[in-house]
Amino acid sequence: MVRGDKQTPAHERYATRLRLGYQRCEAQYQELSEVREPILFVMTEGVRAANEIADYLH
């Protein structure tokens, strides 16, 4: 994980956290899909980082 360098794409700076969050969301989805649909919420420092992470996750 590269921290602090705003030139590094957000999905690379937060790769570990994104991977863990996605894995947890996937596990919750399997557990709760019959009751409700779990979502993965990612808060970023700005629109650019949000768009980078959204593109990465799609």
C-alpha atoms as a PDB file:
ATOM      1  CA  MET A   1       0.000   0.000   0.000  1.00  0.00           C
ATOM      2  CA  VAL A   2       1.343   3.408  -0.975  1.00  0.00           C
ATOM      3  CA  ARG A   3       0.230   6.094   1.457  1.00  0.00           C
ATOM      4  CA  GLY A   4       0.228   9.848   1.187  1.00  0.00           C
ATOM      5  CA  ASP A   5       1.079  10.205  -2.504  1.00  0.00           C
ATOM      6  CA  LYS A   6      -1.989  11.745  -4.139  1.00  0.00           C
ATOM      7  CA  GLN A   7      -0.554  10.942  -7.586  1.00  0.00           C
ATOM      8  CA  THR A   8      -0.889   7.225  -6.878  1.00  0.00           C
ATOM      9  CA  PRO A   9      -4.377   6.003  -7.876  1.00  0.00           C
ATOM     10  CA  ALA A  10      -6.709   5.626  -4.903  1.00  0.00           C
ATOM     11  CA  HIS A  11      -7.347   1.938  -5.580  1.00  0.00           C
ATOM     12  CA  GLU A  12      -3.602   1.314  -5.202  1.00  0.00           C
ATOM     13  CA  ARG A  13      -3.254   3.453  -2.060  1.00  0.00           C
ATOM     14  CA  TYR A  14      -6.096   1.616  -0.359  1.00  0.00           C
ATOM     15  CA  ALA A  15      -5.728  -1.815  -2.008  1.00  0.00           C
ATOM     16  CA  THR A  16      -5.566  -3.781   1.242  1.00  0.00           C
ATOM     17  CA  ARG A  17      -8.601  -2.088   2.749  1.00  0.00           C
ATOM     18  CA  LEU A  18     -10.607  -2.420  -0.451  1.00  0.00           C
ATOM     19  CA  ARG A  19      -9.758  -6.107  -0.757  1.00  0.00           C
ATOM     20  CA  LEU A  20     -10.743  -6.831   2.847  1.00  0.00           C
ATOM     21  CA  GLY A  21     -13.918  -4.776   2.597  1.00  0.00           C
ATOM     22  CA  TYR A  22     -14.926  -6.504  -0.620  1.00  0.00           C
ATOM     23  CA  GLN A  23     -14.280  -9.939   0.855  1.00  0.00           C
ATOM     24  CA  ARG A  24     -16.349  -9.110   3.907  1.00  0.00           C
ATOM     25  CA  CYS A  25     -19.170  -7.692   1.798  1.00  0.00           C
ATOM     26  CA  GLU A  26     -19.130 -10.820  -0.346  1.00  0.00           C
ATOM     27  CA  ALA A  27     -19.379 -13.043   2.757  1.00  0.00           C
ATOM     28  CA  GLN A  28     -22.226 -10.934   4.150  1.00  0.00           C
ATOM     29  CA  TYR A  29     -23.982 -11.071   0.795  1.00  0.00           C
ATOM     30  CA  GLN A  30     -23.938 -14.860   0.867  1.00  0.00           C
ATOM     31  CA  GLU A  31     -25.262 -14.869   4.441  1.00  0.00           C
ATOM     32  CA  LEU A  32     -27.922 -12.180   4.112  1.00  0.00           C
ATOM     33  CA  SER A  33     -28.983 -12.226   0.460  1.00  0.00           C
ATOM     34  CA  GLU A  34     -32.293 -13.881   1.283  1.00  0.00           C
ATOM     35  CA  VAL A  35     -33.154 -11.227   3.882  1.00  0.00           C
ATOM     36  CA  ARG A  36     -31.663  -8.045   2.393  1.00  0.00           C
ATOM     37  CA  GLU A  37     -28.944  -6.923   0.018  1.00  0.00           C
ATOM     38  CA  PRO A  38     -25.718  -5.866   1.755  1.00  0.00           C
ATOM     39  CA  ILE A  39     -23.848  -2.944   0.225  1.00  0.00           C
ATOM     40  CA  LEU A  40     -20.208  -1.898   0.258  1.00  0.00           C
ATOM     41  CA  PHE A  41     -19.824   1.754   1.262  1.00  0.00           C
ATOM     42  CA  VAL A  42     -16.466   3.400   0.588  1.00  0.00           C
ATOM     43  CA  MET A  43     -15.762   6.917   1.822  1.00  0.00           C
ATOM     44  CA  THR A  44     -12.955   8.768   0.060  1.00  0.00           C
ATOM     45  CA  GLU A  45     -11.150  12.075   0.389  1.00  0.00           C
ATOM     46  CA  GLY A  46     -12.647  13.440  -2.816  1.00  0.00           C
ATOM     47  CA  VAL A  47     -14.512  12.869  -6.056  1.00  0.00           C
ATOM     48  CA  ARG A  48     -11.410  11.869  -8.014  1.00  0.00           C
ATOM     49  CA  ALA A  49     -10.544   9.100  -5.541  1.00  0.00           C
ATOM     50  CA  ALA A  50     -14.183   7.963  -5.466  1.00  0.00           C
ATOM     51  CA  ASN A  51     -14.273   7.686  -9.248  1.00  0.00           C
ATOM     52  CA  GLU A  52     -10.971   5.781  -9.331  1.00  0.00           C
ATOM     53  CA  ILE A  53     -12.220   3.285  -6.749  1.00  0.00           C
ATOM     54  CA  ALA A  54     -15.620   2.928  -8.456  1.00  0.00           C
ATOM     55  CA  ASP A  55     -13.913   2.179 -11.772  1.00  0.00           C
ATOM     56  CA  TYR A  56     -11.637  -0.343 -10.069  1.00  0.00           C
ATOM     57  CA  LEU A  57     -14.515  -2.160  -8.352  1.00  0.00           C
ATOM     58  CA  HIS A  58     -16.632  -2.347 -11.514  1.00  0.00           C
END
